[in-house]
Amino acid sequence: MRGLAIIDLETVPRGAVFGAPVSVPDSVAMPDPPGSYKKPESRQKWRETHGEAARVTAWGKWALDPLRAQIAGAALLPLGDPDAEIVRIPYAPGVSMIDAIGAALVEHGIDGLASWGAFDGTILRGQLGRDGRDSPRPSMTRHQINARLSRVLEVSSHTGRPWLKRCVDLSVWSVRRLHGMRAGWGLDSTAEAHGIGRKTGVPSSGVLEAWALGDAGGIVDRAAQDVALTLAIADREGILSPLAEWWSKC
């Protein structure tokens, strides 16, 4: 499976400042009160009591939006080489994360990505062409990085529903997802069901806090652990065989 890599991204909402206290940007509007609040005075009371907390929650969800998230750390593991190690891509001030990831794809000859869930590919696609700066690798040109990212994140559609041709969601082969467990096929719950060690360090809910504390290492360690868990689950569930078949047809 040379040319294919497992990837994991950690994200925070756009506007979060690295190494600074969490502060919701002024551009984030306060959500409307729930529909059950009909009277103007009750709606105003809701805004005064719950409005700011609702605004913080709404902003936090930007971390899951391909167009409103920013990448806080990434890790990838090239497949096909038993000696390959997980590549950690931490955030560094002044360096575009999408460029750093693109440079890693060029350096390791990656033309396709596998992840647990469809989140990572769509986030990368949403970031494509944003925040471009000078190449993070002196030996690489802007053209090389953009060309590799465009190839890996190529969109295709035959029925009107687009998908990323060279990015695959490994969870589609998970027996827990096939069984219809709506909330039971996430990475953490699937790993726990297999008895594959729980993760330590920065939890999923703590990425924004780690970002505010300037803990780039803790964030990228979490991404690396997710990559290792993904590979372990894929091996345990026999997913690597259909993955290889899919990759051979790309």
C-alpha atoms as a PDB file:
ATOM      1  CA  MET A   1       0.000   0.000   0.000  1.00  0.00           C
ATOM      2  CA  ARG A   2       2.846   2.356  -0.759  1.00  0.00           C
ATOM      3  CA  GLY A   3       1.651   5.890  -1.353  1.00  0.00           C
ATOM      4  CA  LEU A   4      -1.151   5.562   1.196  1.00  0.00           C
ATOM      5  CA  ALA A   5      -1.063   6.881   4.759  1.00  0.00           C
ATOM      6  CA  ILE A   6      -3.298   6.888   7.822  1.00  0.00           C
ATOM      7  CA  ILE A   7      -3.858  10.461   9.002  1.00  0.00           C
ATOM      8  CA  ASP A   8      -5.416  12.199  11.966  1.00  0.00           C
ATOM      9  CA  LEU A   9      -6.060  15.904  12.449  1.00  0.00           C
ATOM     10  CA  GLU A  10      -6.803  17.863  15.589  1.00  0.00           C
ATOM     11  CA  THR A  11      -8.686  21.111  15.086  1.00  0.00           C
ATOM     12  CA  VAL A  12      -9.826  24.199  16.956  1.00  0.00           C
ATOM     13  CA  PRO A  13     -12.338  26.854  15.882  1.00  0.00           C
ATOM     14  CA  ARG A  14     -10.986  29.546  13.587  1.00  0.00           C
ATOM     15  CA  GLY A  15     -10.124  32.638  15.564  1.00  0.00           C
ATOM     16  CA  ALA A  16      -8.668  30.763  18.549  1.00  0.00           C
ATOM     17  CA  VAL A  17      -5.263  32.262  19.306  1.00  0.00           C
ATOM     18  CA  PHE A  18      -2.409  29.876  20.099  1.00  0.00           C
ATOM     19  CA  GLY A  19      -1.005  30.379  23.585  1.00  0.00           C
ATOM     20  CA  ALA A  20      -3.691  32.894  24.602  1.00  0.00           C
ATOM     21  CA  PRO A  21      -6.776  32.583  26.839  1.00  0.00           C
ATOM     22  CA  VAL A  22      -9.876  31.272  25.072  1.00  0.00           C
ATOM     23  CA  SER A  23     -11.875  34.221  23.770  1.00  0.00           C
ATOM     24  CA  VAL A  24     -14.798  34.031  21.353  1.00  0.00           C
ATOM     25  CA  PRO A  25     -14.314  36.417  18.401  1.00  0.00           C
ATOM     26  CA  ASP A  26     -16.747  39.333  18.258  1.00  0.00           C
ATOM     27  CA  SER A  27     -17.844  38.165  14.809  1.00  0.00           C
ATOM     28  CA  VAL A  28     -19.553  35.098  16.311  1.00  0.00           C
ATOM     29  CA  ALA A  29     -23.238  35.956  16.660  1.00  0.00           C
ATOM     30  CA  MET A  30     -25.342  34.936  19.627  1.00  0.00           C
ATOM     31  CA  PRO A  31     -27.730  32.109  18.667  1.00  0.00           C
ATOM     32  CA  ASP A  32     -31.457  32.765  18.772  1.00  0.00           C
ATOM     33  CA  PRO A  33     -33.345  31.558  21.850  1.00  0.00           C
ATOM     34  CA  PRO A  34     -35.086  28.170  21.573  1.00  0.00           C
ATOM     35  CA  GLY A  35     -38.465  28.206  19.896  1.00  0.00           C
ATOM     36  CA  SER A  36     -40.209  27.543  23.177  1.00  0.00           C
ATOM     37  CA  TYR A  37     -39.411  31.116  24.238  1.00  0.00           C
ATOM     38  CA  LYS A  38     -42.209  33.101  22.605  1.00  0.00           C
ATOM     39  CA  LYS A  39     -42.572  36.330  24.519  1.00  0.00           C
ATOM     40  CA  PRO A  40     -40.080  39.150  23.873  1.00  0.00           C
ATOM     41  CA  GLU A  41     -39.319  39.499  27.580  1.00  0.00           C
ATOM     42  CA  SER A  42     -38.637  35.766  27.994  1.00  0.00           C
ATOM     43  CA  ARG A  43     -36.407  35.768  24.933  1.00  0.00           C
ATOM     44  CA  GLN A  44     -34.472  38.704  26.298  1.00  0.00           C
ATOM     45  CA  LYS A  45     -34.117  36.966  29.659  1.00  0.00           C
ATOM     46  CA  TRP A  46     -32.728  33.882  27.894  1.00  0.00           C
ATOM     47  CA  ARG A  47     -30.161  36.029  26.103  1.00  0.00           C
ATOM     48  CA  GLU A  48     -29.061  37.581  29.366  1.00  0.00           C
ATOM     49  CA  THR A  49     -28.892  34.253  31.208  1.00  0.00           C
ATOM     50  CA  HIS A  50     -27.771  31.746  28.578  1.00  0.00           C
ATOM     51  CA  GLY A  51     -26.782  33.774  25.530  1.00  0.00           C
ATOM     52  CA  GLU A  52     -23.037  34.015  26.094  1.00  0.00           C
ATOM     53  CA  ALA A  53     -22.707  30.323  26.968  1.00  0.00           C
ATOM     54  CA  ALA A  54     -24.651  29.465  23.809  1.00  0.00           C
ATOM     55  CA  ARG A  55     -22.314  31.690  21.790  1.00  0.00           C
ATOM     56  CA  VAL A  56     -19.267  29.892  23.184  1.00  0.00           C
ATOM     57  CA  THR A  57     -20.837  26.513  22.337  1.00  0.00           C
ATOM     58  CA  ALA A  58     -21.691  27.626  18.809  1.00  0.00           C
ATOM     59  CA  TRP A  59     -18.138  28.842  18.242  1.00  0.00           C
ATOM     60  CA  GLY A  60     -16.685  25.595  19.591  1.00  0.00           C
ATOM     61  CA  LYS A  61     -18.567  23.686  16.897  1.00  0.00           C
ATOM     62  CA  TRP A  62     -16.574  25.548  14.275  1.00  0.00           C
ATOM     63  CA  ALA A  63     -13.769  23.072  14.994  1.00  0.00           C
ATOM     64  CA  LEU A  64     -15.856  20.483  13.095  1.00  0.00           C
ATOM     65  CA  ASP A  65     -16.657  22.756  10.156  1.00  0.00           C
ATOM     66  CA  PRO A  66     -14.327  22.341   7.143  1.00  0.00           C
ATOM     67  CA  LEU A  67     -14.537  26.052   6.352  1.00  0.00           C
ATOM     68  CA  ARG A  68     -14.376  27.423   9.904  1.00  0.00           C
ATOM     69  CA  ALA A  69     -11.862  25.117  11.589  1.00  0.00           C
ATOM     70  CA  GLN A  70      -8.131  25.564  11.859  1.00  0.00           C
ATOM     71  CA  ILE A  71      -5.728  22.653  12.127  1.00  0.00           C
ATOM     72  CA  ALA A  72      -3.994  22.517  15.497  1.00  0.00           C
ATOM     73  CA  GLY A  73      -1.863  19.430  14.906  1.00  0.00           C
ATOM     74  CA  ALA A  74      -1.593  16.396  12.634  1.00  0.00           C
ATOM     75  CA  ALA A  75       0.032  12.988  12.412  1.00  0.00           C
ATOM     76  CA  LEU A  76       0.307  10.442   9.626  1.00  0.00           C
ATOM     77  CA  LEU A  77       1.711   6.955   9.132  1.00  0.00           C
ATOM     78  CA  PRO A  78       2.855   5.832   5.656  1.00  0.00           C
ATOM     79  CA  LEU A  79       1.621   2.302   4.947  1.00  0.00           C
ATOM     80  CA  GLY A  80       3.439  -0.376   3.003  1.00  0.00           C
ATOM     81  CA  ASP A  81       6.716   0.006   4.902  1.00  0.00           C
ATOM     82  CA  PRO A  82       6.956  -2.047   8.113  1.00  0.00           C
ATOM     83  CA  ASP A  83       9.747   0.231   9.354  1.00  0.00           C
ATOM     84  CA  ALA A  84       7.789   3.455   8.836  1.00  0.00           C
ATOM     85  CA  GLU A  85       7.168   5.594  11.907  1.00  0.00           C
ATOM     86  CA  ILE A  86       4.363   7.996  12.689  1.00  0.00           C
ATOM     87  CA  VAL A  87       5.148  11.454  11.340  1.00  0.00           C
ATOM     88  CA  ARG A  88       4.198  14.183  13.813  1.00  0.00           C
ATOM     89  CA  ILE A  89       3.280  17.601  12.424  1.00  0.00           C
ATOM     90  CA  PRO A  90       2.908  20.040  15.343  1.00  0.00           C
ATOM     91  CA  TYR A  91       1.716  23.591  15.011  1.00  0.00           C
ATOM     92  CA  ALA A  92       4.510  26.148  14.794  1.00  0.00           C
ATOM     93  CA  PRO A  93       3.844  29.901  14.858  1.00  0.00           C
ATOM     94  CA  GLY A  94       4.317  31.447  11.451  1.00  0.00           C
ATOM     95  CA  VAL A  95       3.966  28.151   9.537  1.00  0.00           C
ATOM     96  CA  SER A  96       0.773  27.232   7.695  1.00  0.00           C
ATOM     97  CA  MET A  97      -0.447  23.806   8.858  1.00  0.00           C
ATOM     98  CA  ILE A  98      -1.886  22.933   5.446  1.00  0.00           C
ATOM     99  CA  ASP A  99       1.515  23.689   3.928  1.00  0.00           C
ATOM    100  CA  ALA A 100       3.310  21.615   6.562  1.00  0.00           C
ATOM    101  CA  ILE A 101       0.988  18.669   5.901  1.00  0.00           C
ATOM    102  CA  GLY A 102       1.395  19.067   2.144  1.00  0.00           C
ATOM    103  CA  ALA A 103       5.164  19.081   2.547  1.00  0.00           C
ATOM    104  CA  ALA A 104       4.972  15.851   4.562  1.00  0.00           C
ATOM    105  CA  LEU A 105       2.899  14.242   1.788  1.00  0.00           C
ATOM    106  CA  VAL A 106       5.526  15.216  -0.782  1.00  0.00           C
ATOM    107  CA  GLU A 107       8.421  14.078   1.412  1.00  0.00           C
ATOM    108  CA  HIS A 108       6.923  10.626   2.036  1.00  0.00           C
ATOM    109  CA  GLY A 109       5.414  10.118  -1.420  1.00  0.00           C
ATOM    110  CA  ILE A 110       1.809  10.060  -0.178  1.00  0.00           C
ATOM    111  CA  ASP A 111      -0.960  10.082  -2.812  1.00  0.00           C
ATOM    112  CA  GLY A 112      -3.891   8.873  -0.684  1.00  0.00           C
ATOM    113  CA  LEU A 113      -5.176   9.151   2.874  1.00  0.00           C
ATOM    114  CA  ALA A 114      -7.085   6.828   5.185  1.00  0.00           C
ATOM    115  CA  SER A 115      -8.706   7.966   8.418  1.00  0.00           C
ATOM    116  CA  TRP A 116     -11.302   6.887  10.963  1.00  0.00           C
ATOM    117  CA  GLY A 117     -14.317   8.881   9.791  1.00  0.00           C
ATOM    118  CA  ALA A 118     -14.648  11.270   6.876  1.00  0.00           C
ATOM    119  CA  PHE A 119     -13.667  14.301   8.968  1.00  0.00           C
ATOM    120  CA  ASP A 120      -9.972  14.563   8.123  1.00  0.00           C
ATOM    121  CA  GLY A 121     -10.224  14.606   4.343  1.00  0.00           C
ATOM    122  CA  THR A 122     -12.997  17.183   4.288  1.00  0.00           C
ATOM    123  CA  ILE A 123     -11.128  19.407   6.740  1.00  0.00           C
ATOM    124  CA  LEU A 124      -8.043  19.305   4.519  1.00  0.00           C
ATOM    125  CA  ARG A 125     -10.159  20.050   1.455  1.00  0.00           C
ATOM    126  CA  GLY A 126     -11.718  23.002   3.267  1.00  0.00           C
ATOM    127  CA  GLN A 127      -8.259  24.331   4.145  1.00  0.00           C
ATOM    128  CA  LEU A 128      -6.871  23.864   0.629  1.00  0.00           C
ATOM    129  CA  GLY A 129      -5.518  27.113  -0.754  1.00  0.00           C
ATOM    130  CA  ARG A 130      -5.863  28.949   2.571  1.00  0.00           C
ATOM    131  CA  ASP A 131      -3.141  30.723   4.487  1.00  0.00           C
ATOM    132  CA  GLY A 132      -0.408  29.859   2.007  1.00  0.00           C
ATOM    133  CA  ARG A 133       3.046  31.054   2.997  1.00  0.00           C
ATOM    134  CA  ASP A 134       6.583  30.261   1.940  1.00  0.00           C
ATOM    135  CA  SER A 135       7.309  26.558   1.688  1.00  0.00           C
ATOM    136  CA  PRO A 136       8.107  25.025   5.089  1.00  0.00           C
ATOM    137  CA  ARG A 137      10.755  22.895   3.364  1.00  0.00           C
ATOM    138  CA  PRO A 138      13.486  24.821   1.526  1.00  0.00           C
ATOM    139  CA  SER A 139      13.900  21.922  -0.910  1.00  0.00           C
ATOM    140  CA  MET A 140      10.243  22.099  -1.994  1.00  0.00           C
ATOM    141  CA  THR A 141       8.401  24.662  -4.078  1.00  0.00           C
ATOM    142  CA  ARG A 142       4.936  26.058  -3.577  1.00  0.00           C
ATOM    143  CA  HIS A 143       3.907  24.280  -6.794  1.00  0.00           C
ATOM    144  CA  GLN A 144       5.052  20.875  -5.505  1.00  0.00           C
ATOM    145  CA  ILE A 145       3.060  21.221  -2.292  1.00  0.00           C
ATOM    146  CA  ASN A 146      -0.109  22.527  -3.952  1.00  0.00           C
ATOM    147  CA  ALA A 147       0.054  19.904  -6.701  1.00  0.00           C
ATOM    148  CA  ARG A 148       0.337  17.054  -4.173  1.00  0.00           C
ATOM    149  CA  LEU A 149      -2.504  18.387  -2.018  1.00  0.00           C
ATOM    150  CA  SER A 150      -4.718  18.863  -5.070  1.00  0.00           C
ATOM    151  CA  ARG A 151      -4.009  15.306  -6.216  1.00  0.00           C
ATOM    152  CA  VAL A 152      -4.692  13.718  -2.836  1.00  0.00           C
ATOM    153  CA  LEU A 153      -7.853  15.799  -2.302  1.00  0.00           C
ATOM    154  CA  GLU A 154      -9.296  15.395  -5.796  1.00  0.00           C
ATOM    155  CA  VAL A 155     -13.105  15.397  -5.838  1.00  0.00           C
ATOM    156  CA  SER A 156     -15.170  13.020  -7.962  1.00  0.00           C
ATOM    157  CA  SER A 157     -18.886  12.495  -8.524  1.00  0.00           C
ATOM    158  CA  HIS A 158     -20.885  10.093 -10.682  1.00  0.00           C
ATOM    159  CA  THR A 159     -24.323  10.388  -9.105  1.00  0.00           C
ATOM    160  CA  GLY A 160     -24.341  13.995  -7.963  1.00  0.00           C
ATOM    161  CA  ARG A 161     -22.905  13.170  -4.554  1.00  0.00           C
ATOM    162  CA  PRO A 162     -19.243  14.193  -4.446  1.00  0.00           C
ATOM    163  CA  TRP A 163     -16.495  12.365  -2.599  1.00  0.00           C
ATOM    164  CA  LEU A 164     -12.736  12.544  -2.286  1.00  0.00           C
ATOM    165  CA  LYS A 165     -11.318   9.935  -4.671  1.00  0.00           C
ATOM    166  CA  ARG A 166      -8.094   9.288  -2.772  1.00  0.00           C
ATOM    167  CA  CYS A 167      -9.368   9.601   0.802  1.00  0.00           C
ATOM    168  CA  VAL A 168     -11.142   6.710   2.519  1.00  0.00           C
ATOM    169  CA  ASP A 169     -13.112   6.407   5.747  1.00  0.00           C
ATOM    170  CA  LEU A 170     -11.932   3.192   7.425  1.00  0.00           C
ATOM    171  CA  SER A 171     -14.943   3.086   9.745  1.00  0.00           C
ATOM    172  CA  VAL A 172     -17.156   1.951   6.843  1.00  0.00           C
ATOM    173  CA  TRP A 173     -15.583  -1.501   7.270  1.00  0.00           C
ATOM    174  CA  SER A 174     -16.025  -1.563  11.059  1.00  0.00           C
ATOM    175  CA  VAL A 175     -18.307  -4.339  12.296  1.00  0.00           C
ATOM    176  CA  ARG A 176     -19.715  -1.980  14.928  1.00  0.00           C
ATOM    177  CA  ARG A 177     -20.779   0.482  12.247  1.00  0.00           C
ATOM    178  CA  LEU A 178     -22.113  -2.313  10.048  1.00  0.00           C
ATOM    179  CA  HIS A 179     -24.139  -3.481  13.036  1.00  0.00           C
ATOM    180  CA  GLY A 180     -25.843  -0.078  13.131  1.00  0.00           C
ATOM    181  CA  MET A 181     -24.463   1.137  16.456  1.00  0.00           C
ATOM    182  CA  ARG A 182     -25.158   4.832  15.961  1.00  0.00           C
ATOM    183  CA  ALA A 183     -22.799   6.133  18.616  1.00  0.00           C
ATOM    184  CA  GLY A 184     -20.714   3.024  19.074  1.00  0.00           C
ATOM    185  CA  TRP A 185     -18.348   3.058  16.108  1.00  0.00           C
ATOM    186  CA  GLY A 186     -16.308   6.127  16.988  1.00  0.00           C
ATOM    187  CA  LEU A 187     -12.572   5.645  17.328  1.00  0.00           C
ATOM    188  CA  ASP A 188     -12.459   5.745  21.124  1.00  0.00           C
ATOM    189  CA  SER A 189     -15.431   3.436  21.694  1.00  0.00           C
ATOM    190  CA  THR A 190     -14.271   0.964  19.035  1.00  0.00           C
ATOM    191  CA  ALA A 191     -10.767   0.838  20.512  1.00  0.00           C
ATOM    192  CA  GLU A 192     -12.205   0.308  23.992  1.00  0.00           C
ATOM    193  CA  ALA A 193     -14.440  -2.520  22.726  1.00  0.00           C
ATOM    194  CA  HIS A 194     -11.354  -4.249  21.336  1.00  0.00           C
ATOM    195  CA  GLY A 195      -9.444  -3.765  24.572  1.00  0.00           C
ATOM    196  CA  ILE A 196      -6.861  -1.637  22.792  1.00  0.00           C
ATOM    197  CA  GLY A 197      -5.309   0.713  25.350  1.00  0.00           C
ATOM    198  CA  ARG A 198      -7.080   3.931  26.178  1.00  0.00           C
ATOM    199  CA  LYS A 199      -5.384   7.161  25.231  1.00  0.00           C
ATOM    200  CA  THR A 200      -3.639   9.356  27.749  1.00  0.00           C
ATOM    201  CA  GLY A 201      -2.739  12.996  27.594  1.00  0.00           C
ATOM    202  CA  VAL A 202      -4.925  15.629  25.929  1.00  0.00           C
ATOM    203  CA  PRO A 203      -8.548  14.396  25.631  1.00  0.00           C
ATOM    204  CA  SER A 204     -10.741  15.226  22.653  1.00  0.00           C
ATOM    205  CA  SER A 205     -12.611  17.802  24.695  1.00  0.00           C
ATOM    206  CA  GLY A 206      -9.343  19.375  25.852  1.00  0.00           C
ATOM    207  CA  VAL A 207      -7.749  20.286  22.501  1.00  0.00           C
ATOM    208  CA  LEU A 208      -8.945  23.898  22.628  1.00  0.00           C
ATOM    209  CA  GLU A 209      -7.668  24.258  26.190  1.00  0.00           C
ATOM    210  CA  ALA A 210      -4.285  22.780  25.189  1.00  0.00           C
ATOM    211  CA  TRP A 211      -4.187  25.214  22.263  1.00  0.00           C
ATOM    212  CA  ALA A 212      -4.822  28.121  24.623  1.00  0.00           C
ATOM    213  CA  LEU A 213      -1.983  26.882  26.842  1.00  0.00           C
ATOM    214  CA  GLY A 214       0.393  26.665  23.882  1.00  0.00           C
ATOM    215  CA  ASP A 215       0.712  22.868  24.242  1.00  0.00           C
ATOM    216  CA  ALA A 216       1.453  22.013  20.596  1.00  0.00           C
ATOM    217  CA  GLY A 217       3.275  18.844  21.689  1.00  0.00           C
ATOM    218  CA  GLY A 218       0.300  17.532  23.651  1.00  0.00           C
ATOM    219  CA  ILE A 219      -2.025  18.132  20.716  1.00  0.00           C
ATOM    220  CA  VAL A 220       0.187  16.381  18.168  1.00  0.00           C
ATOM    221  CA  ASP A 221       0.712  13.488  20.609  1.00  0.00           C
ATOM    222  CA  ARG A 222      -3.051  13.020  20.657  1.00  0.00           C
ATOM    223  CA  ALA A 223      -3.111  12.947  16.840  1.00  0.00           C
ATOM    224  CA  ALA A 224      -0.300  10.363  16.834  1.00  0.00           C
ATOM    225  CA  GLN A 225      -2.182   8.204  19.348  1.00  0.00           C
ATOM    226  CA  ASP A 226      -5.288   8.353  17.136  1.00  0.00           C
ATOM    227  CA  VAL A 227      -3.235   7.179  14.152  1.00  0.00           C
ATOM    228  CA  ALA A 228      -1.853   4.267  16.202  1.00  0.00           C
ATOM    229  CA  LEU A 229      -5.354   3.328  17.400  1.00  0.00           C
ATOM    230  CA  THR A 230      -6.692   3.475  13.848  1.00  0.00           C
ATOM    231  CA  LEU A 231      -3.995   1.097  12.612  1.00  0.00           C
ATOM    232  CA  ALA A 232      -4.542  -1.270  15.559  1.00  0.00           C
ATOM    233  CA  ILE A 233      -8.312  -1.413  14.949  1.00  0.00           C
ATOM    234  CA  ALA A 234      -7.834  -1.889  11.207  1.00  0.00           C
ATOM    235  CA  ASP A 235      -5.478  -4.788  11.897  1.00  0.00           C
ATOM    236  CA  ARG A 236      -7.789  -6.330  14.513  1.00  0.00           C
ATOM    237  CA  GLU A 237     -10.890  -6.141  12.301  1.00  0.00           C
ATOM    238  CA  GLY A 238      -9.236  -7.264   9.060  1.00  0.00           C
ATOM    239  CA  ILE A 239      -9.740  -3.865   7.435  1.00  0.00           C
ATOM    240  CA  LEU A 240      -6.265  -3.727   5.902  1.00  0.00           C
ATOM    241  CA  SER A 241      -7.201  -6.283   3.225  1.00  0.00           C
ATOM    242  CA  PRO A 242     -10.183  -4.369   1.760  1.00  0.00           C
ATOM    243  CA  LEU A 243      -8.173  -1.183   2.162  1.00  0.00           C
ATOM    244  CA  ALA A 244      -5.410  -2.605  -0.022  1.00  0.00           C
ATOM    245  CA  GLU A 245      -7.989  -3.670  -2.620  1.00  0.00           C
ATOM    246  CA  TRP A 246      -9.519  -0.185  -2.643  1.00  0.00           C
ATOM    247  CA  TRP A 247      -6.098   1.437  -3.002  1.00  0.00           C
ATOM    248  CA  SER A 248      -5.124  -0.827  -5.888  1.00  0.00           C
ATOM    249  CA  LYS A 249      -8.070   0.536  -7.877  1.00  0.00           C
ATOM    250  CA  CYS A 250      -7.320   4.216  -7.259  1.00  0.00           C
END
